[in-house]
Amino acid sequence: MFEFLRKFSLLMALFIVGLGTHFSMQNTTDWRESLRVTVYPINGDGLDSTQRYIDEIETADFGSIEQFMRNEAERFGIDIKEPVRIVVGHEIFEQPPEPPRTANPFKIAYWSLKLRWWSNSITNDPPGADPDIRLFLVYFDPNVSPTLSHSLGLQKGLVGIVNVFSAAEQAETNNFVVAHELLHTLGATDKYGGPSNLPVFPVGYADPNKFPLYPQTQAEIMGGRVALSETQAAIPADLSQVIIGPSTAVELRWIE
């Protein structure tokens, strides 16, 4: 009986969190006010080198994401000076719930609710308006972890878990990944696929009308990479090499 009550209480709490986030989702893409985005650093590997990097993180480090969103919103005629405002929140000393290693929809839904509950319970933001979007940046030393697990951004819950590198030379590439997951929380979908996760033509290309088509010189943000040929693509060095394409703009409600 105790175990039943414990699980029932957890499910009810998760349901309440889910209901609240459902209503907050409706207001994130009306673009009437700037979206408040808080990023929370997490030491993903427990290394001192990663901790030293986290200790030096500042809000200004994410300025290229704000500039990217300003530039792209203006390009699509969105009349808002600052689409997003990013601040660095307090460090989190607990790892987020791991996603299930299965395609079972019930386990995925349960994990999603659990993540939303964790996101709300683990953060202790200053008094005032709560963040519209919470992104948890899990840092790893690239000398120890040269490849990272897939990052996740959820529209239901307006929360993201972003795996990034604790190295200054990777900061702008990190910002590209953060921006990609940020747009996931706003309803944008991936535009890459296949065994090699190549950008999907035409929606995943920055300039699908370019002739010759290859190499592309920019990446579509949700396409993930710059298409160099039919079989090759490269991660952009920074957000100056990235645009928001029309299909993503529709998902963001920037165009109809």
Protein backbone atom coordinates (compact mmCIF):
# COMPACT_ATOMS: atom_id res chain seq x y z
CA MET A 1 0.00 0.00 0.00
CA PHE A 2 2.81 2.40 0.87
CA GLU A 3 4.48 1.78 -2.49
CA PHE A 4 1.18 2.36 -4.30
CA LEU A 5 0.60 5.65 -2.46
CA ARG A 6 4.15 6.77 -3.18
CA LYS A 7 3.79 6.14 -6.91
CA PHE A 8 0.32 7.69 -7.00
CA SER A 9 1.58 10.84 -5.27
CA LEU A 10 4.48 11.10 -7.71
CA LEU A 11 2.19 10.70 -10.69
CA MET A 12 -0.19 13.36 -9.36
CA ALA A 13 2.69 15.76 -8.80
CA LEU A 14 3.97 15.12 -12.29
CA PHE A 15 0.48 15.66 -13.70
CA ILE A 16 0.26 19.05 -11.98
CA VAL A 17 3.65 20.04 -13.40
CA GLY A 18 2.56 18.92 -16.86
CA LEU A 19 -0.68 20.89 -16.66
CA GLY A 20 1.11 24.06 -15.63
CA THR A 21 3.70 23.83 -18.39
CA HIS A 22 0.98 23.22 -20.98
CA PHE A 23 -0.45 26.69 -20.36
CA SER A 24 2.97 28.36 -20.28
CA MET A 25 3.79 26.86 -23.70
CA GLN A 26 0.98 28.82 -25.30
CA ASN A 27 2.66 32.14 -24.57
CA THR A 28 6.20 31.41 -25.71
CA THR A 29 5.72 31.93 -29.43
CA ASP A 30 3.44 34.95 -29.54
CA TRP A 31 6.64 37.09 -29.64
CA ARG A 32 5.07 39.98 -27.80
CA GLU A 33 7.75 40.03 -25.09
CA SER A 34 11.30 38.78 -24.75
CA LEU A 35 11.61 35.19 -23.61
CA ARG A 36 13.53 34.77 -20.37
CA VAL A 37 16.01 31.93 -20.79
CA THR A 38 18.10 30.72 -17.86
CA VAL A 39 21.04 28.38 -18.41
CA TYR A 40 22.21 26.24 -15.49
CA PRO A 41 25.71 24.72 -15.65
CA ILE A 42 26.29 21.15 -14.49
CA ASN A 43 29.63 19.39 -14.12
CA GLY A 44 28.95 16.30 -16.19
CA ASP A 45 32.19 14.41 -15.61
CA GLY A 46 33.17 15.62 -12.14
CA LEU A 47 36.61 16.74 -13.29
CA ASP A 48 38.45 19.72 -11.81
CA SER A 49 39.16 21.01 -15.32
CA THR A 50 35.43 21.09 -16.05
CA GLN A 51 34.73 22.80 -12.74
CA ARG A 52 37.31 25.51 -13.45
CA TYR A 53 35.57 26.19 -16.77
CA ILE A 54 32.15 26.36 -15.11
CA ASP A 55 33.46 28.77 -12.47
CA GLU A 56 34.36 31.25 -15.22
CA ILE A 57 31.06 31.17 -17.13
CA GLU A 58 29.34 34.54 -17.55
CA THR A 59 26.08 35.69 -19.12
CA ALA A 60 28.07 37.51 -21.84
CA ASP A 61 29.35 34.13 -23.06
CA PHE A 62 25.91 33.50 -24.58
CA GLY A 63 25.62 36.85 -26.33
CA SER A 64 26.02 35.30 -29.78
CA ILE A 65 22.78 33.35 -29.25
CA GLU A 66 20.89 36.54 -28.42
CA GLN A 67 22.43 38.26 -31.46
CA PHE A 68 21.55 35.33 -33.71
CA MET A 69 17.92 35.44 -32.59
CA ARG A 70 17.79 39.24 -33.07
CA ASN A 71 19.21 39.00 -36.58
CA GLU A 72 16.92 36.18 -37.68
CA ALA A 73 13.78 37.68 -36.15
CA GLU A 74 14.48 40.96 -37.94
CA ARG A 75 15.07 39.10 -41.21
CA PHE A 76 11.58 37.58 -40.92
CA GLY A 77 9.99 40.90 -39.99
CA ILE A 78 9.33 40.10 -36.32
CA ASP A 79 8.94 43.39 -34.48
CA ILE A 80 10.70 42.62 -31.22
CA LYS A 81 14.01 44.09 -30.12
CA GLU A 82 15.19 41.13 -28.06
CA PRO A 83 13.51 37.81 -28.83
CA VAL A 84 15.43 36.09 -26.03
CA ARG A 85 17.33 37.24 -22.96
CA ILE A 86 19.76 34.73 -21.55
CA VAL A 87 21.10 34.73 -18.00
CA VAL A 88 23.32 32.24 -16.19
CA GLY A 89 21.61 30.61 -13.24
CA HIS A 90 23.17 28.87 -10.28
CA GLU A 91 25.20 25.72 -10.74
CA ILE A 92 23.28 22.47 -10.39
CA PHE A 93 24.96 19.70 -8.40
CA GLU A 94 22.66 16.87 -9.44
CA GLN A 95 22.55 15.08 -12.77
CA PRO A 96 19.25 15.25 -14.70
CA PRO A 97 17.13 12.12 -15.10
CA GLU A 98 18.54 9.93 -17.84
CA PRO A 99 16.25 9.39 -20.85
CA PRO A 100 15.02 5.83 -21.36
CA ARG A 101 17.01 3.61 -23.71
CA THR A 102 13.85 2.46 -25.40
CA ALA A 103 11.25 3.72 -27.85
CA ASN A 104 8.44 2.72 -25.48
CA PRO A 105 6.10 5.75 -25.60
CA PHE A 106 4.90 5.26 -22.01
CA LYS A 107 8.44 5.23 -20.63
CA ILE A 108 9.33 8.27 -22.71
CA ALA A 109 6.23 10.15 -21.48
CA TYR A 110 7.01 9.21 -17.88
CA TRP A 111 10.62 10.38 -18.27
CA SER A 112 9.42 13.66 -19.80
CA LEU A 113 7.15 14.34 -16.84
CA LYS A 114 9.90 13.34 -14.43
CA LEU A 115 12.33 15.72 -16.13
CA ARG A 116 9.86 18.58 -15.86
CA TRP A 117 9.32 17.88 -12.19
CA TRP A 118 13.09 17.71 -11.63
CA SER A 119 13.61 20.96 -13.54
CA ASN A 120 11.15 22.84 -11.36
CA SER A 121 12.29 21.32 -8.07
CA ILE A 122 16.07 21.60 -8.57
CA THR A 123 16.20 25.28 -9.49
CA ASN A 124 16.22 28.07 -6.95
CA ASP A 125 15.92 31.26 -8.94
CA PRO A 126 16.03 34.76 -7.44
CA PRO A 127 12.71 36.42 -6.56
CA GLY A 128 10.81 37.75 -9.55
CA ALA A 129 9.50 36.32 -12.75
CA ASP A 130 10.37 32.67 -13.36
CA PRO A 131 12.32 31.77 -16.52
CA ASP A 132 10.22 30.99 -19.57
CA ILE A 133 12.77 28.36 -20.60
CA ARG A 134 15.29 26.42 -18.53
CA LEU A 135 18.35 24.93 -20.24
CA PHE A 136 20.66 22.68 -18.25
CA LEU A 137 24.15 22.74 -19.78
CA VAL A 138 26.06 19.59 -18.88
CA TYR A 139 29.79 20.21 -19.39
CA PHE A 140 32.46 17.63 -20.25
CA ASP A 141 36.20 17.97 -20.76
CA PRO A 142 36.81 17.25 -24.49
CA ASN A 143 40.22 15.71 -23.68
CA VAL A 144 38.40 12.98 -21.76
CA SER A 145 35.06 12.91 -23.60
CA PRO A 146 35.71 13.79 -27.27
CA THR A 147 32.16 12.81 -28.23
CA LEU A 148 28.96 13.61 -26.37
CA SER A 149 25.53 12.07 -26.01
CA HIS A 150 22.62 13.57 -27.89
CA SER A 151 21.15 16.75 -26.38
CA LEU A 152 17.42 17.22 -25.86
CA GLY A 153 15.03 20.15 -25.96
CA LEU A 154 11.39 19.63 -24.98
CA GLN A 155 8.56 21.96 -25.90
CA LYS A 156 6.39 20.31 -23.26
CA GLY A 157 8.03 21.72 -20.19
CA LEU A 158 10.16 24.33 -21.96
CA VAL A 159 13.28 22.58 -20.74
CA GLY A 160 16.46 21.35 -22.38
CA ILE A 161 19.40 19.14 -21.45
CA VAL A 162 22.39 20.24 -23.53
CA ASN A 163 25.69 18.34 -23.50
CA VAL A 164 28.59 20.68 -24.25
CA PHE A 165 32.37 20.92 -23.94
CA SER A 166 34.26 22.67 -21.15
CA ALA A 167 36.81 24.31 -23.46
CA ALA A 168 37.11 27.94 -24.50
CA GLU A 169 37.82 27.01 -28.13
CA GLN A 170 34.49 25.15 -28.22
CA ALA A 171 32.41 27.98 -26.73
CA GLU A 172 30.86 29.18 -29.98
CA THR A 173 30.19 25.66 -31.23
CA ASN A 174 28.53 25.06 -27.86
CA ASN A 175 26.35 28.11 -28.49
CA PHE A 176 25.21 26.63 -31.79
CA VAL A 177 24.10 23.47 -29.98
CA VAL A 178 22.42 25.51 -27.24
CA ALA A 179 20.54 27.58 -29.85
CA HIS A 180 19.43 24.40 -31.63
CA GLU A 181 17.99 22.94 -28.42
CA LEU A 182 16.47 26.29 -27.45
CA LEU A 183 14.48 26.26 -30.69
CA HIS A 184 13.34 22.71 -29.94
CA THR A 185 11.67 24.05 -26.79
CA LEU A 186 9.82 26.53 -29.03
CA GLY A 187 8.46 23.83 -31.31
CA ALA A 188 11.14 23.61 -34.02
CA THR A 189 11.80 20.10 -35.30
CA ASP A 190 15.01 18.44 -36.48
CA LYS A 191 15.71 18.69 -40.19
CA TYR A 192 18.40 16.07 -40.47
CA GLY A 193 18.17 12.31 -40.69
CA GLY A 194 19.42 9.07 -42.15
CA PRO A 195 22.28 6.93 -40.85
CA SER A 196 24.74 9.83 -41.05
CA ASN A 197 22.35 12.48 -39.69
CA LEU A 198 22.85 14.61 -42.78
CA PRO A 199 20.71 17.71 -43.40
CA VAL A 200 17.47 16.84 -45.19
CA PHE A 201 17.01 18.52 -48.57
CA PRO A 202 15.51 21.06 -48.99
CA VAL A 203 14.30 22.04 -45.48
CA GLY A 204 17.63 21.33 -43.78
CA TYR A 205 19.67 23.42 -46.21
CA ALA A 206 20.43 27.09 -45.68
CA ASP A 207 20.23 27.78 -49.43
CA PRO A 208 18.45 24.94 -51.26
CA ASN A 209 18.36 27.02 -54.47
CA LYS A 210 22.13 27.52 -54.63
CA PHE A 211 23.79 26.48 -57.90
CA PRO A 212 25.85 24.47 -57.75
CA LEU A 213 24.15 23.12 -54.65
CA TYR A 214 27.39 22.07 -52.98
CA PRO A 215 29.14 23.10 -50.97
CA GLN A 216 26.68 25.06 -48.88
CA THR A 217 28.28 27.96 -47.00
CA GLN A 218 25.84 28.06 -44.07
CA ALA A 219 23.77 25.68 -41.99
CA GLU A 220 20.05 25.75 -41.32
CA ILE A 221 19.81 25.79 -37.53
CA MET A 222 17.66 22.64 -37.28
CA GLY A 223 19.48 20.95 -40.17
CA GLY A 224 22.38 20.71 -37.77
CA ARG A 225 25.32 20.97 -40.16
CA VAL A 226 26.62 22.66 -43.29
CA ALA A 227 26.03 20.36 -46.27
CA LEU A 228 29.33 20.04 -48.17
CA SER A 229 28.22 17.28 -50.54
CA GLU A 230 25.55 14.61 -50.75
CA THR A 231 27.51 12.53 -48.23
CA GLN A 232 29.42 15.08 -46.16
CA ALA A 233 28.48 17.83 -43.72
CA ALA A 234 30.31 19.88 -41.09
CA ILE A 235 29.36 21.45 -37.77
CA PRO A 236 29.37 25.25 -38.16
CA ALA A 237 32.15 27.04 -36.30
CA ASP A 238 29.76 29.61 -34.87
CA LEU A 239 26.31 31.11 -35.29
CA SER A 240 27.46 33.56 -37.97
CA GLN A 241 27.39 30.52 -40.29
CA VAL A 242 23.80 29.63 -39.37
CA ILE A 243 20.33 30.79 -40.43
CA ILE A 244 16.72 29.95 -39.62
CA GLY A 245 15.03 28.54 -42.71
CA PRO A 246 11.40 29.07 -43.76
CA SER A 247 10.18 25.71 -42.41
CA THR A 248 11.64 26.43 -38.98
CA ALA A 249 10.25 29.98 -39.10
CA VAL A 250 6.77 28.51 -39.62
CA GLU A 251 7.23 26.30 -36.55
CA LEU A 252 8.30 29.35 -34.53
CA ARG A 253 5.19 31.20 -35.78
CA TRP A 254 7.34 33.80 -37.46
CA ILE A 255 5.57 33.22 -40.78
CA GLU A 256 2.40 31.40 -41.76
